[in-house]
Amino acid sequence: MQQRVVDGAWRVQPLDDVYYFGGQNAHNQRAAVSHEAIWPNEFSFQRGDVIGTEGNHWDGFSKGSDKSNGQSGLYPTYKTEEIVNIAKMYTYPDVKVQDN
């Protein structure tokens, strides 16, 4: 890419995007590290707080709200971890599967 244009950075799509589809459960994260807001559009949170993610800004920050204190705005995504909800699926134990 550098041989065709001087700066091709605008063509790069980052890999930190969040995938959404209709009807999904809320996308929540848990704060792994406390954060003190630096910029006016950020919010502070404490370790262990649950943060509802509302969008990704592709610069290391996500938009969301703290479920503990009601603050909302941007927050550094690297200070959080995903809360994974595992759904139990019915396995149909009476159905026999034949190997070919």
N, C-alpha and C. Protein backbone atom coordinates (compact mmCIF):
# COMPACT_ATOMS: atom_id res chain seq x y z
N MET A 1 0.83 -1.19 0.00
CA MET A 1 0.00 0.00 0.00
C MET A 1 0.87 1.25 0.00
N GLN A 2 2.01 1.24 0.66
CA GLN A 2 2.85 2.43 0.74
C GLN A 2 3.43 2.81 -0.63
N GLN A 3 3.50 1.86 -1.58
CA GLN A 3 4.06 2.19 -2.89
C GLN A 3 3.06 2.96 -3.75
N ARG A 4 1.76 2.79 -3.49
CA ARG A 4 0.76 3.47 -4.31
C ARG A 4 0.42 4.86 -3.80
N VAL A 5 0.39 5.02 -2.49
CA VAL A 5 0.05 6.31 -1.90
C VAL A 5 1.06 6.64 -0.81
N VAL A 6 1.24 7.92 -0.54
CA VAL A 6 2.21 8.33 0.47
C VAL A 6 1.77 7.86 1.86
N ASP A 7 0.51 8.06 2.21
CA ASP A 7 0.00 7.64 3.51
C ASP A 7 -1.33 6.93 3.31
N GLY A 8 -1.34 5.61 3.48
CA GLY A 8 -2.55 4.82 3.28
C GLY A 8 -3.27 4.50 4.57
N ALA A 9 -2.96 5.23 5.66
CA ALA A 9 -3.55 4.92 6.96
C ALA A 9 -5.07 5.04 6.95
N TRP A 10 -5.62 5.93 6.16
CA TRP A 10 -7.07 6.12 6.11
C TRP A 10 -7.78 4.91 5.52
N ARG A 11 -7.05 4.02 4.84
CA ARG A 11 -7.65 2.83 4.24
C ARG A 11 -7.69 1.63 5.19
N VAL A 12 -7.07 1.75 6.33
CA VAL A 12 -6.96 0.63 7.26
C VAL A 12 -8.18 0.57 8.17
N GLN A 13 -8.77 -0.62 8.32
CA GLN A 13 -9.91 -0.82 9.23
C GLN A 13 -9.37 -1.52 10.48
N PRO A 14 -9.51 -0.90 11.65
CA PRO A 14 -9.00 -1.53 12.86
C PRO A 14 -9.77 -2.79 13.23
N LEU A 15 -9.17 -3.63 14.04
CA LEU A 15 -9.77 -4.89 14.44
C LEU A 15 -10.48 -4.81 15.77
N ASP A 16 -10.58 -3.63 16.39
CA ASP A 16 -11.20 -3.51 17.70
C ASP A 16 -12.68 -3.13 17.62
N ASP A 17 -13.31 -3.36 16.48
CA ASP A 17 -14.72 -3.03 16.32
C ASP A 17 -15.59 -4.07 17.01
N VAL A 18 -16.75 -3.65 17.45
CA VAL A 18 -17.71 -4.53 18.11
C VAL A 18 -18.75 -4.95 17.10
N TYR A 19 -19.07 -6.22 17.05
CA TYR A 19 -20.08 -6.73 16.11
C TYR A 19 -21.44 -6.73 16.79
N TYR A 20 -22.43 -6.16 16.14
CA TYR A 20 -23.79 -6.11 16.66
C TYR A 20 -24.74 -6.77 15.68
N PHE A 21 -25.77 -7.39 16.18
CA PHE A 21 -26.84 -7.87 15.34
C PHE A 21 -28.15 -7.70 16.10
N GLY A 22 -29.25 -7.62 15.38
CA GLY A 22 -30.54 -7.33 15.98
C GLY A 22 -30.99 -8.38 16.98
N GLY A 23 -31.55 -7.93 18.10
CA GLY A 23 -32.11 -8.83 19.09
C GLY A 23 -31.13 -9.43 20.05
N GLN A 24 -29.91 -8.97 20.04
CA GLN A 24 -28.91 -9.55 20.94
C GLN A 24 -29.06 -9.01 22.36
N ASN A 25 -28.46 -9.72 23.31
CA ASN A 25 -28.43 -9.26 24.70
C ASN A 25 -27.54 -8.03 24.82
N ALA A 26 -27.65 -7.36 25.93
CA ALA A 26 -26.82 -6.19 26.18
C ALA A 26 -25.35 -6.58 26.17
N HIS A 27 -24.49 -5.70 25.67
CA HIS A 27 -23.05 -5.93 25.63
C HIS A 27 -22.42 -5.25 26.84
N ASN A 28 -22.12 -6.04 27.86
CA ASN A 28 -21.55 -5.50 29.10
C ASN A 28 -20.11 -5.92 29.27
N GLN A 29 -19.36 -5.04 29.92
CA GLN A 29 -17.97 -5.32 30.26
C GLN A 29 -17.78 -5.04 31.75
N ARG A 30 -16.75 -5.63 32.34
CA ARG A 30 -16.42 -5.39 33.74
C ARG A 30 -15.07 -4.67 33.80
N ALA A 31 -14.99 -3.66 34.63
CA ALA A 31 -13.75 -2.90 34.78
C ALA A 31 -12.70 -3.76 35.46
N ALA A 32 -11.59 -4.00 34.77
CA ALA A 32 -10.48 -4.78 35.32
C ALA A 32 -9.53 -3.87 36.10
N VAL A 33 -9.52 -2.59 35.74
CA VAL A 33 -8.66 -1.59 36.36
C VAL A 33 -9.49 -0.32 36.55
N SER A 34 -9.31 0.35 37.68
CA SER A 34 -10.02 1.62 37.91
C SER A 34 -9.51 2.67 36.92
N HIS A 35 -10.37 3.65 36.63
CA HIS A 35 -10.00 4.71 35.69
C HIS A 35 -10.50 6.05 36.21
N GLU A 36 -9.64 7.04 36.16
CA GLU A 36 -9.99 8.41 36.52
C GLU A 36 -10.07 9.22 35.23
N ALA A 37 -11.22 9.83 34.96
CA ALA A 37 -11.42 10.57 33.71
C ALA A 37 -10.42 11.70 33.58
N ILE A 38 -9.90 11.86 32.37
CA ILE A 38 -8.95 12.93 32.08
C ILE A 38 -9.61 14.00 31.21
N TRP A 39 -10.38 13.56 30.22
CA TRP A 39 -11.03 14.47 29.27
C TRP A 39 -12.49 14.69 29.66
N PRO A 40 -13.09 15.79 29.25
CA PRO A 40 -14.49 16.09 29.63
C PRO A 40 -15.51 15.07 29.13
N ASN A 41 -15.22 14.37 28.04
CA ASN A 41 -16.18 13.42 27.49
C ASN A 41 -15.99 11.99 28.04
N GLU A 42 -15.06 11.80 28.97
CA GLU A 42 -14.83 10.51 29.60
C GLU A 42 -15.59 10.41 30.92
N PHE A 43 -15.67 9.20 31.48
CA PHE A 43 -16.21 9.04 32.82
C PHE A 43 -15.30 8.13 33.63
N SER A 44 -15.34 8.31 34.94
CA SER A 44 -14.51 7.53 35.85
C SER A 44 -15.25 6.28 36.29
N PHE A 45 -14.51 5.22 36.61
CA PHE A 45 -15.11 4.01 37.14
C PHE A 45 -14.12 3.30 38.05
N GLN A 46 -14.64 2.41 38.86
CA GLN A 46 -13.84 1.64 39.80
C GLN A 46 -13.72 0.20 39.32
N ARG A 47 -12.67 -0.46 39.75
CA ARG A 47 -12.48 -1.88 39.41
C ARG A 47 -13.70 -2.68 39.86
N GLY A 48 -14.23 -3.52 38.99
CA GLY A 48 -15.39 -4.33 39.29
C GLY A 48 -16.71 -3.75 38.81
N ASP A 49 -16.74 -2.47 38.45
CA ASP A 49 -17.98 -1.86 37.94
C ASP A 49 -18.38 -2.51 36.62
N VAL A 50 -19.68 -2.63 36.40
CA VAL A 50 -20.20 -3.16 35.13
C VAL A 50 -20.50 -1.98 34.22
N ILE A 51 -19.97 -2.05 33.00
CA ILE A 51 -20.11 -0.97 32.03
C ILE A 51 -20.86 -1.50 30.83
N GLY A 52 -21.96 -0.84 30.48
CA GLY A 52 -22.73 -1.19 29.29
C GLY A 52 -22.14 -0.50 28.08
N THR A 53 -21.71 -1.28 27.09
CA THR A 53 -21.09 -0.73 25.89
C THR A 53 -22.16 -0.32 24.88
N GLU A 54 -22.04 0.90 24.37
CA GLU A 54 -22.99 1.43 23.40
C GLU A 54 -22.37 1.65 22.04
N GLY A 55 -21.07 1.57 21.95
CA GLY A 55 -20.40 1.76 20.65
C GLY A 55 -18.91 1.80 20.81
N ASN A 56 -18.20 1.69 19.69
CA ASN A 56 -16.76 1.67 19.68
C ASN A 56 -16.27 2.84 18.83
N HIS A 57 -15.23 3.51 19.30
CA HIS A 57 -14.73 4.68 18.58
C HIS A 57 -13.45 4.41 17.82
N TRP A 58 -12.99 3.15 17.79
CA TRP A 58 -11.85 2.70 17.00
C TRP A 58 -10.54 3.38 17.32
N ASP A 59 -10.44 3.97 18.49
CA ASP A 59 -9.19 4.60 18.89
C ASP A 59 -8.77 4.13 20.28
N GLY A 60 -9.25 2.97 20.66
CA GLY A 60 -8.95 2.46 22.00
C GLY A 60 -10.01 2.83 23.02
N PHE A 61 -10.98 3.63 22.63
CA PHE A 61 -12.06 4.04 23.52
C PHE A 61 -13.39 3.51 23.02
N SER A 62 -14.28 3.23 23.95
CA SER A 62 -15.64 2.84 23.61
C SER A 62 -16.60 3.82 24.28
N LYS A 63 -17.81 3.88 23.78
CA LYS A 63 -18.85 4.71 24.39
C LYS A 63 -19.71 3.78 25.23
N GLY A 64 -20.05 4.22 26.43
CA GLY A 64 -20.88 3.38 27.29
C GLY A 64 -21.31 4.11 28.54
N SER A 65 -21.89 3.33 29.46
CA SER A 65 -22.34 3.90 30.73
C SER A 65 -22.06 2.93 31.86
N ASP A 66 -21.71 3.50 33.01
CA ASP A 66 -21.40 2.71 34.20
C ASP A 66 -22.72 2.37 34.89
N LYS A 67 -23.00 1.08 35.03
CA LYS A 67 -24.25 0.64 35.65
C LYS A 67 -24.27 0.90 37.15
N SER A 68 -23.10 1.15 37.76
CA SER A 68 -23.02 1.39 39.21
C SER A 68 -23.33 2.83 39.59
N ASN A 69 -22.81 3.80 38.81
CA ASN A 69 -22.97 5.19 39.20
C ASN A 69 -23.74 6.04 38.18
N GLY A 70 -24.14 5.44 37.04
CA GLY A 70 -24.96 6.16 36.07
C GLY A 70 -24.21 7.11 35.16
N GLN A 71 -22.89 7.24 35.31
CA GLN A 71 -22.13 8.12 34.43
C GLN A 71 -22.03 7.49 33.04
N SER A 72 -21.92 8.35 32.03
CA SER A 72 -21.77 7.84 30.67
C SER A 72 -20.81 8.71 29.89
N GLY A 73 -20.32 8.16 28.80
CA GLY A 73 -19.36 8.86 27.95
C GLY A 73 -18.39 7.86 27.37
N LEU A 74 -17.16 8.32 27.15
CA LEU A 74 -16.11 7.45 26.62
C LEU A 74 -15.31 6.84 27.76
N TYR A 75 -14.76 5.65 27.50
CA TYR A 75 -13.89 4.99 28.47
C TYR A 75 -12.84 4.17 27.72
N PRO A 76 -11.65 3.99 28.32
CA PRO A 76 -10.61 3.20 27.65
C PRO A 76 -10.96 1.71 27.70
N THR A 77 -11.13 1.12 26.54
CA THR A 77 -11.56 -0.26 26.43
C THR A 77 -10.55 -1.23 27.03
N TYR A 78 -9.26 -0.91 26.98
CA TYR A 78 -8.25 -1.83 27.48
C TYR A 78 -8.30 -2.02 29.00
N LYS A 79 -9.05 -1.18 29.69
CA LYS A 79 -9.18 -1.31 31.14
C LYS A 79 -10.39 -2.15 31.53
N THR A 80 -11.03 -2.79 30.56
CA THR A 80 -12.22 -3.61 30.82
C THR A 80 -12.03 -5.01 30.26
N GLU A 81 -12.91 -5.92 30.69
CA GLU A 81 -12.92 -7.27 30.15
C GLU A 81 -14.36 -7.64 29.82
N GLU A 82 -14.53 -8.50 28.84
CA GLU A 82 -15.86 -8.91 28.41
C GLU A 82 -16.55 -9.75 29.48
N ILE A 83 -17.85 -9.55 29.63
CA ILE A 83 -18.68 -10.43 30.44
C ILE A 83 -19.36 -11.38 29.46
N VAL A 84 -18.98 -12.64 29.50
CA VAL A 84 -19.49 -13.61 28.54
C VAL A 84 -20.65 -14.37 29.17
N ASN A 85 -21.79 -14.36 28.51
CA ASN A 85 -22.96 -15.11 28.94
C ASN A 85 -23.04 -16.38 28.11
N ILE A 86 -22.99 -17.52 28.78
CA ILE A 86 -23.04 -18.80 28.09
C ILE A 86 -24.45 -19.35 28.19
N ALA A 87 -25.05 -19.62 27.05
CA ALA A 87 -26.41 -20.14 27.02
C ALA A 87 -26.38 -21.67 27.02
N LYS A 88 -27.26 -22.27 27.79
CA LYS A 88 -27.37 -23.73 27.80
C LYS A 88 -28.25 -24.15 26.61
N MET A 89 -27.78 -25.13 25.91
CA MET A 89 -28.51 -25.63 24.75
C MET A 89 -29.01 -27.04 25.05
N TYR A 90 -30.19 -27.35 24.58
CA TYR A 90 -30.72 -28.69 24.75
C TYR A 90 -29.95 -29.63 23.83
N THR A 91 -29.57 -30.80 24.33
CA THR A 91 -28.69 -31.69 23.57
C THR A 91 -29.38 -32.88 22.93
N TYR A 92 -30.65 -33.11 23.20
CA TYR A 92 -31.39 -34.25 22.64
C TYR A 92 -30.65 -35.57 22.90
N PRO A 93 -30.53 -35.99 24.14
CA PRO A 93 -29.74 -37.18 24.46
C PRO A 93 -30.34 -38.48 23.89
N ASP A 94 -31.62 -38.52 23.54
CA ASP A 94 -32.24 -39.74 23.01
C ASP A 94 -32.01 -39.92 21.52
N VAL A 95 -31.49 -38.92 20.85
CA VAL A 95 -31.25 -39.03 19.40
C VAL A 95 -29.90 -39.68 19.16
N LYS A 96 -29.89 -40.75 18.37
CA LYS A 96 -28.66 -41.47 18.06
C LYS A 96 -28.11 -40.94 16.73
N VAL A 97 -26.82 -40.67 16.71
CA VAL A 97 -26.16 -40.17 15.51
C VAL A 97 -25.28 -41.28 14.96
N GLN A 98 -25.42 -41.57 13.67
CA GLN A 98 -24.63 -42.62 13.05
C GLN A 98 -23.39 -42.01 12.41
N ASP A 99 -22.25 -42.64 12.66
CA ASP A 99 -21.00 -42.22 12.00
C ASP A 99 -20.89 -42.93 10.66
N ASN A 100 -20.52 -42.20 9.63
CA ASN A 100 -20.37 -42.82 8.30
C ASN A 100 -18.93 -43.10 8.01
